[in-house]
Amino acid sequence: MHRFVAAKGWYEADSPRPQTPRNIATSLAIEAAEVLEHFQWGEQTSDRPELASELADVALYLLQLASLCEIDLEQAVLDKLKVNYGRQWDQ
């Protein structure tokens, strides 16, 4: 991801797409909404390749956000799973 962003010049000070946590979080939310559009009127998507593309966008923005915020995402996921195993949800 860093090689791609650097190749596009998005780490440059005058970039039209500054890689700030706020900008990346906003982009992440927008891409997540695009995933949701695939299920707006039903339980299944009619375009799996397009859904796959949107899911990839979400994953890339998530990884970029974690990196910019210096969060070890793998460890954060493991920590969250540990917490969730101990949680109780209403039946």
C-alpha atoms as a PDB file:
ATOM      1  CA  MET A   1       0.000   0.000   0.000  1.00  0.00           C
ATOM      2  CA  HIS A   2       2.796   2.418   0.858  1.00  0.00           C
ATOM      3  CA  ARG A   3       4.514   1.807  -2.500  1.00  0.00           C
ATOM      4  CA  PHE A   4       1.244   2.465  -4.349  1.00  0.00           C
ATOM      5  CA  VAL A   5       0.486   5.675  -2.405  1.00  0.00           C
ATOM      6  CA  ALA A   6       4.055   6.914  -2.833  1.00  0.00           C
ATOM      7  CA  ALA A   7       3.993   6.104  -6.568  1.00  0.00           C
ATOM      8  CA  LYS A   8       0.860   8.237  -6.950  1.00  0.00           C
ATOM      9  CA  GLY A   9       2.519  11.112  -5.064  1.00  0.00           C
ATOM     10  CA  TRP A  10      -0.131  11.146  -2.362  1.00  0.00           C
ATOM     11  CA  TYR A  11       2.429  11.493   0.436  1.00  0.00           C
ATOM     12  CA  GLU A  12       3.656  14.781  -1.061  1.00  0.00           C
ATOM     13  CA  ALA A  13       2.834  17.990   0.829  1.00  0.00           C
ATOM     14  CA  ASP A  14       0.850  19.400  -2.108  1.00  0.00           C
ATOM     15  CA  SER A  15      -1.033  16.179  -2.862  1.00  0.00           C
ATOM     16  CA  PRO A  16      -4.680  16.443  -3.892  1.00  0.00           C
ATOM     17  CA  ARG A  17      -5.229  13.315  -1.768  1.00  0.00           C
ATOM     18  CA  PRO A  18      -3.380  13.960   1.520  1.00  0.00           C
ATOM     19  CA  GLN A  19      -2.982  10.782   3.510  1.00  0.00           C
ATOM     20  CA  THR A  20      -4.217  12.091   6.848  1.00  0.00           C
ATOM     21  CA  PRO A  21      -6.052   9.842   9.289  1.00  0.00           C
ATOM     22  CA  ARG A  22      -9.204  11.949   8.903  1.00  0.00           C
ATOM     23  CA  ASN A  23      -9.133  11.734   5.111  1.00  0.00           C
ATOM     24  CA  ILE A  24      -8.506   8.009   5.126  1.00  0.00           C
ATOM     25  CA  ALA A  25     -11.226   7.386   7.758  1.00  0.00           C
ATOM     26  CA  THR A  26     -13.659   9.364   5.603  1.00  0.00           C
ATOM     27  CA  SER A  27     -12.704   7.333   2.542  1.00  0.00           C
ATOM     28  CA  LEU A  28     -13.085   4.123   4.537  1.00  0.00           C
ATOM     29  CA  ALA A  29     -16.639   5.054   5.542  1.00  0.00           C
ATOM     30  CA  ILE A  30     -17.534   5.965   1.961  1.00  0.00           C
ATOM     31  CA  GLU A  31     -16.207   2.671   0.633  1.00  0.00           C
ATOM     32  CA  ALA A  32     -18.050   0.745   3.374  1.00  0.00           C
ATOM     33  CA  ALA A  33     -21.260   2.452   2.249  1.00  0.00           C
ATOM     34  CA  GLU A  34     -20.535   1.286  -1.296  1.00  0.00           C
ATOM     35  CA  VAL A  35     -20.387  -2.283   0.044  1.00  0.00           C
ATOM     36  CA  LEU A  36     -23.759  -1.740   1.699  1.00  0.00           C
ATOM     37  CA  GLU A  37     -25.274  -0.613  -1.594  1.00  0.00           C
ATOM     38  CA  HIS A  38     -24.870  -4.170  -2.883  1.00  0.00           C
ATOM     39  CA  PHE A  39     -27.383  -5.324  -0.269  1.00  0.00           C
ATOM     40  CA  GLN A  40     -29.713  -2.320  -0.304  1.00  0.00           C
ATOM     41  CA  TRP A  41     -32.681  -4.187  -1.777  1.00  0.00           C
ATOM     42  CA  GLY A  42     -31.887  -7.813  -1.049  1.00  0.00           C
ATOM     43  CA  GLU A  43     -29.872 -10.394   0.793  1.00  0.00           C
ATOM     44  CA  GLN A  44     -27.560 -11.177  -2.144  1.00  0.00           C
ATOM     45  CA  THR A  45     -25.486  -9.096  -4.515  1.00  0.00           C
ATOM     46  CA  SER A  46     -25.989  -9.416  -8.235  1.00  0.00           C
ATOM     47  CA  ASP A  47     -22.395  -8.390  -8.997  1.00  0.00           C
ATOM     48  CA  ARG A  48     -19.842 -10.389  -7.018  1.00  0.00           C
ATOM     49  CA  PRO A  49     -16.802  -9.004  -8.867  1.00  0.00           C
ATOM     50  CA  GLU A  50     -17.877  -5.436  -8.076  1.00  0.00           C
ATOM     51  CA  LEU A  51     -18.550  -6.388  -4.444  1.00  0.00           C
ATOM     52  CA  ALA A  52     -15.080  -7.939  -4.284  1.00  0.00           C
ATOM     53  CA  SER A  53     -13.619  -4.677  -5.612  1.00  0.00           C
ATOM     54  CA  GLU A  54     -15.445  -2.627  -2.972  1.00  0.00           C
ATOM     55  CA  LEU A  55     -14.340  -4.999  -0.201  1.00  0.00           C
ATOM     56  CA  ALA A  56     -10.751  -4.621  -1.412  1.00  0.00           C
ATOM     57  CA  ASP A  57     -11.118  -0.828  -1.232  1.00  0.00           C
ATOM     58  CA  VAL A  58     -12.350  -1.120   2.362  1.00  0.00           C
ATOM     59  CA  ALA A  59      -9.450  -3.390   3.293  1.00  0.00           C
ATOM     60  CA  LEU A  60      -6.880  -1.092   1.694  1.00  0.00           C
ATOM     61  CA  TYR A  61      -8.207   2.016   3.430  1.00  0.00           C
ATOM     62  CA  LEU A  62      -8.369   0.129   6.739  1.00  0.00           C
ATOM     63  CA  LEU A  63      -4.763  -0.986   6.404  1.00  0.00           C
ATOM     64  CA  GLN A  64      -3.668   2.524   5.460  1.00  0.00           C
ATOM     65  CA  LEU A  65      -5.511   4.052   8.420  1.00  0.00           C
ATOM     66  CA  ALA A  66      -3.981   1.564  10.842  1.00  0.00           C
ATOM     67  CA  SER A  67      -0.529   2.270   9.437  1.00  0.00           C
ATOM     68  CA  LEU A  68      -0.919   6.047   9.606  1.00  0.00           C
ATOM     69  CA  CYS A  69      -2.113   5.762  13.210  1.00  0.00           C
ATOM     70  CA  GLU A  70       0.720   3.352  14.048  1.00  0.00           C
ATOM     71  CA  ILE A  71      -1.679   0.602  15.078  1.00  0.00           C
ATOM     72  CA  ASP A  72      -0.680  -3.035  14.739  1.00  0.00           C
ATOM     73  CA  LEU A  73      -3.936  -4.146  13.160  1.00  0.00           C
ATOM     74  CA  GLU A  74      -3.198  -7.850  13.516  1.00  0.00           C
ATOM     75  CA  GLN A  75      -2.645  -7.411  17.265  1.00  0.00           C
ATOM     76  CA  ALA A  76      -5.714  -5.185  17.564  1.00  0.00           C
ATOM     77  CA  VAL A  77      -7.840  -7.896  15.926  1.00  0.00           C
ATOM     78  CA  LEU A  78      -6.442 -10.568  18.229  1.00  0.00           C
ATOM     79  CA  ASP A  79      -7.034  -8.354  21.272  1.00  0.00           C
ATOM     80  CA  LYS A  80     -10.606  -7.639  20.185  1.00  0.00           C
ATOM     81  CA  LEU A  81     -11.348 -11.321  19.627  1.00  0.00           C
ATOM     82  CA  LYS A  82     -10.096 -12.051  23.138  1.00  0.00           C
ATOM     83  CA  VAL A  83     -12.432  -9.381  24.546  1.00  0.00           C
ATOM     84  CA  ASN A  84     -15.352 -10.662  22.472  1.00  0.00           C
ATOM     85  CA  TYR A  85     -14.875 -14.244  23.672  1.00  0.00           C
ATOM     86  CA  GLY A  86     -15.488 -12.970  27.194  1.00  0.00           C
ATOM     87  CA  ARG A  87     -18.567 -10.912  26.301  1.00  0.00           C
ATOM     88  CA  GLN A  88     -22.160 -11.977  26.711  1.00  0.00           C
ATOM     89  CA  TRP A  89     -24.797 -10.980  24.195  1.00  0.00           C
ATOM     90  CA  ASP A  90     -28.545 -11.073  24.710  1.00  0.00           C
ATOM     91  CA  GLN A  91     -30.115 -14.279  23.465  1.00  0.00           C
END
